[in-house]
C-alpha cells in the first residue's frame, strides 16, 4: 500500500483518481491547488504524487519547483498529469524529479500499470 497525494484543481478528477487508487488498496490524500499541496507535503511524506500541470495561481511546474527547493520530494515519485502531449519536462529543469507523465483523459489500467512500475 502506497501513500499517494493527488493534486488537481478539478474536483471530479480528484474523485476519479481517489476511487481508482483506493480500490487498488492505496491511501490517498488530495490537494486542490499548488499551495494546498505544499502545505500537505510539509505535514506528510508521500510515496507518489500525481501532479496536474494546468492549475490557476500556481501551476504544477511551479509547485514542483517549490517542493524541490524545500526538499519535500525526497523519496517521493512524481507522475505529471496533463492534457498536453509531450509536456517538455526537460525544458522546465524538472526531469530529475518527474518519473512519468500521463495524458488526460487516461486509461485506468495504463495508469495503474505505470504507477506500479514507478513504485517498484
C-alpha atoms as a PDB file:
ATOM      1  CA  UNK A   1       0.000   0.000   0.000  1.00  0.00           C
ATOM      2  CA  UNK A   2       1.383   3.363  -1.044  1.00  0.00           C
ATOM      3  CA  UNK A   3       0.636   6.772   0.397  1.00  0.00           C
ATOM      4  CA  UNK A   4      -0.368   8.956  -2.561  1.00  0.00           C
ATOM      5  CA  UNK A   5      -1.095  12.671  -2.980  1.00  0.00           C
ATOM      6  CA  UNK A   6      -3.332  13.739  -5.865  1.00  0.00           C
ATOM      7  CA  UNK A   7      -3.012  17.419  -6.817  1.00  0.00           C
ATOM      8  CA  UNK A   8      -5.619  18.766  -9.242  1.00  0.00           C
ATOM      9  CA  UNK A   9      -7.896  21.801  -9.388  1.00  0.00           C
ATOM     10  CA  UNK A  10     -10.739  19.720 -10.856  1.00  0.00           C
ATOM     11  CA  UNK A  11     -12.718  18.022  -8.050  1.00  0.00           C
ATOM     12  CA  UNK A  12     -14.046  15.409 -10.495  1.00  0.00           C
ATOM     13  CA  UNK A  13     -10.509  14.359 -11.431  1.00  0.00           C
ATOM     14  CA  UNK A  14      -9.560  14.039  -7.767  1.00  0.00           C
ATOM     15  CA  UNK A  15     -12.656  11.906  -7.146  1.00  0.00           C
ATOM     16  CA  UNK A  16     -11.874   9.630 -10.118  1.00  0.00           C
ATOM     17  CA  UNK A  17      -8.249   9.155  -9.093  1.00  0.00           C
ATOM     18  CA  UNK A  18      -9.161   8.582  -5.443  1.00  0.00           C
ATOM     19  CA  UNK A  19     -11.665   5.896  -6.441  1.00  0.00           C
ATOM     20  CA  UNK A  20      -9.168   4.120  -8.718  1.00  0.00           C
ATOM     21  CA  UNK A  21      -6.277   4.332  -6.266  1.00  0.00           C
ATOM     22  CA  UNK A  22      -8.252   3.449  -3.136  1.00  0.00           C
ATOM     23  CA  UNK A  23      -9.805   0.463  -4.963  1.00  0.00           C
ATOM     24  CA  UNK A  24      -6.216  -0.638  -5.670  1.00  0.00           C
ATOM     25  CA  UNK A  25      -5.525  -0.548  -1.914  1.00  0.00           C
ATOM     26  CA  UNK A  26      -3.684   2.752  -1.541  1.00  0.00           C
ATOM     27  CA  UNK A  27      -4.070   5.574   0.992  1.00  0.00           C
ATOM     28  CA  UNK A  28      -4.969   8.712  -0.960  1.00  0.00           C
ATOM     29  CA  UNK A  29      -4.733  12.353   0.062  1.00  0.00           C
ATOM     30  CA  UNK A  30      -5.709  15.299  -2.130  1.00  0.00           C
ATOM     31  CA  UNK A  31      -4.892  18.946  -2.722  1.00  0.00           C
ATOM     32  CA  UNK A  32      -6.909  21.327  -4.879  1.00  0.00           C
ATOM     33  CA  UNK A  33      -4.053  23.674  -5.764  1.00  0.00           C
ATOM     34  CA  UNK A  34      -0.316  24.200  -5.510  1.00  0.00           C
ATOM     35  CA  UNK A  35      -0.344  25.960  -2.151  1.00  0.00           C
ATOM     36  CA  UNK A  36      -2.512  23.267  -0.590  1.00  0.00           C
ATOM     37  CA  UNK A  37      -0.060  20.698  -1.977  1.00  0.00           C
ATOM     38  CA  UNK A  38       2.877  22.471  -0.337  1.00  0.00           C
ATOM     39  CA  UNK A  39       1.039  22.666   2.984  1.00  0.00           C
ATOM     40  CA  UNK A  40       0.109  18.968   2.845  1.00  0.00           C
ATOM     41  CA  UNK A  41       3.627  17.882   1.821  1.00  0.00           C
ATOM     42  CA  UNK A  42       5.081  19.733   4.828  1.00  0.00           C
ATOM     43  CA  UNK A  43       2.960  17.568   7.147  1.00  0.00           C
ATOM     44  CA  UNK A  44       3.016  14.192   5.377  1.00  0.00           C
ATOM     45  CA  UNK A  45       5.535  12.135   3.402  1.00  0.00           C
ATOM     46  CA  UNK A  46       4.223  10.524   0.202  1.00  0.00           C
ATOM     47  CA  UNK A  47       5.389   7.588  -1.870  1.00  0.00           C
ATOM     48  CA  UNK A  48       3.850   9.094  -5.002  1.00  0.00           C
ATOM     49  CA  UNK A  49       2.440  12.438  -6.100  1.00  0.00           C
ATOM     50  CA  UNK A  50       0.108  12.816  -9.083  1.00  0.00           C
ATOM     51  CA  UNK A  51       0.556  16.459 -10.172  1.00  0.00           C
ATOM     52  CA  UNK A  52      -1.759  18.304 -12.533  1.00  0.00           C
ATOM     53  CA  UNK A  53       0.114  20.904 -14.575  1.00  0.00           C
ATOM     54  CA  UNK A  54      -2.625  23.348 -15.517  1.00  0.00           C
ATOM     55  CA  UNK A  55      -3.880  24.905 -12.301  1.00  0.00           C
ATOM     56  CA  UNK A  56      -4.718  28.534 -11.524  1.00  0.00           C
ATOM     57  CA  UNK A  57      -2.437  30.764  -9.431  1.00  0.00           C
ATOM     58  CA  UNK A  58       0.389  28.229  -9.011  1.00  0.00           C
ATOM     59  CA  UNK A  59       0.713  25.689 -11.810  1.00  0.00           C
ATOM     60  CA  UNK A  60       2.145  22.218 -11.386  1.00  0.00           C
ATOM     61  CA  UNK A  61       5.619  23.199 -12.619  1.00  0.00           C
ATOM     62  CA  UNK A  62       5.927  25.962 -10.017  1.00  0.00           C
ATOM     63  CA  UNK A  63       4.557  23.658  -7.325  1.00  0.00           C
ATOM     64  CA  UNK A  64       7.157  21.015  -8.205  1.00  0.00           C
ATOM     65  CA  UNK A  65       9.931  23.638  -8.161  1.00  0.00           C
ATOM     66  CA  UNK A  66       8.893  24.750  -4.682  1.00  0.00           C
ATOM     67  CA  UNK A  67       8.585  21.180  -3.408  1.00  0.00           C
ATOM     68  CA  UNK A  68      12.082  20.508  -4.735  1.00  0.00           C
ATOM     69  CA  UNK A  69      13.523  23.705  -3.176  1.00  0.00           C
ATOM     70  CA  UNK A  70      12.047  22.783   0.203  1.00  0.00           C
ATOM     71  CA  UNK A  71      13.348  19.216  -0.167  1.00  0.00           C
ATOM     72  CA  UNK A  72       9.807  17.871   0.280  1.00  0.00           C
ATOM     73  CA  UNK A  73      10.127  15.389  -2.593  1.00  0.00           C
ATOM     74  CA  UNK A  74      12.886  13.260  -1.078  1.00  0.00           C
ATOM     75  CA  UNK A  75      11.846   9.642  -1.519  1.00  0.00           C
ATOM     76  CA  UNK A  76       8.702  10.542  -3.459  1.00  0.00           C
ATOM     77  CA  UNK A  77       7.936   9.627  -7.057  1.00  0.00           C
ATOM     78  CA  UNK A  78       6.085  12.100  -9.293  1.00  0.00           C
ATOM     79  CA  UNK A  79       3.670  11.439 -12.135  1.00  0.00           C
ATOM     80  CA  UNK A  80       2.590  14.534 -14.044  1.00  0.00           C
ATOM     81  CA  UNK A  81      -1.000  14.628 -15.280  1.00  0.00           C
ATOM     82  CA  UNK A  82      -1.578  16.799 -18.313  1.00  0.00           C
ATOM     83  CA  UNK A  83      -3.945  17.388 -21.207  1.00  0.00           C
ATOM     84  CA  UNK A  84      -0.935  18.323 -23.324  1.00  0.00           C
ATOM     85  CA  UNK A  85       1.020  15.812 -25.371  1.00  0.00           C
ATOM     86  CA  UNK A  86       4.735  15.776 -24.517  1.00  0.00           C
ATOM     87  CA  UNK A  87       4.854  18.328 -21.687  1.00  0.00           C
ATOM     88  CA  UNK A  88       8.534  19.200 -22.242  1.00  0.00           C
ATOM     89  CA  UNK A  89       9.643  18.162 -18.771  1.00  0.00           C
ATOM     90  CA  UNK A  90      13.293  18.816 -19.634  1.00  0.00           C
ATOM     91  CA  UNK A  91      12.517  22.427 -20.586  1.00  0.00           C
ATOM     92  CA  UNK A  92      11.432  23.141 -17.036  1.00  0.00           C
ATOM     93  CA  UNK A  93      14.535  21.576 -15.498  1.00  0.00           C
ATOM     94  CA  UNK A  94      12.468  19.085 -13.544  1.00  0.00           C
ATOM     95  CA  UNK A  95      13.378  15.881 -15.365  1.00  0.00           C
ATOM     96  CA  UNK A  96      15.281  14.784 -12.272  1.00  0.00           C
ATOM     97  CA  UNK A  97      12.081  14.652 -10.203  1.00  0.00           C
ATOM     98  CA  UNK A  98       9.367  13.742 -12.720  1.00  0.00           C
ATOM     99  CA  UNK A  99       9.214   9.975 -13.117  1.00  0.00           C
ATOM    100  CA  UNK A 100       6.448   9.797 -15.709  1.00  0.00           C
ATOM    101  CA  UNK A 101       3.648  11.742 -17.301  1.00  0.00           C
ATOM    102  CA  UNK A 102       0.165  10.619 -18.223  1.00  0.00           C
ATOM    103  CA  UNK A 103      -2.121  12.488 -20.565  1.00  0.00           C
ATOM    104  CA  UNK A 104      -5.754  13.165 -19.736  1.00  0.00           C
ATOM    105  CA  UNK A 105      -8.062  11.505 -20.397  1.00  0.00           C
ATOM    106  CA  UNK A 106      -6.227   8.401 -19.233  1.00  0.00           C
ATOM    107  CA  UNK A 107      -6.869   4.689 -19.281  1.00  0.00           C
ATOM    108  CA  UNK A 108      -7.282   3.278 -15.760  1.00  0.00           C
ATOM    109  CA  UNK A 109      -5.251   0.140 -16.484  1.00  0.00           C
ATOM    110  CA  UNK A 110      -2.380   2.116 -18.028  1.00  0.00           C
ATOM    111  CA  UNK A 111      -2.350   4.498 -15.057  1.00  0.00           C
ATOM    112  CA  UNK A 112      -2.181   1.634 -12.558  1.00  0.00           C
ATOM    113  CA  UNK A 113       0.494  -0.214 -14.569  1.00  0.00           C
ATOM    114  CA  UNK A 114       2.702   2.889 -14.834  1.00  0.00           C
ATOM    115  CA  UNK A 115       2.220   3.614 -11.153  1.00  0.00           C
ATOM    116  CA  UNK A 116       3.172   0.072 -10.119  1.00  0.00           C
ATOM    117  CA  UNK A 117       6.301   0.207 -12.284  1.00  0.00           C
ATOM    118  CA  UNK A 118       7.383   3.503 -10.761  1.00  0.00           C
ATOM    119  CA  UNK A 119       6.786   2.380  -7.177  1.00  0.00           C
ATOM    120  CA  UNK A 120       8.922  -0.769  -7.542  1.00  0.00           C
END
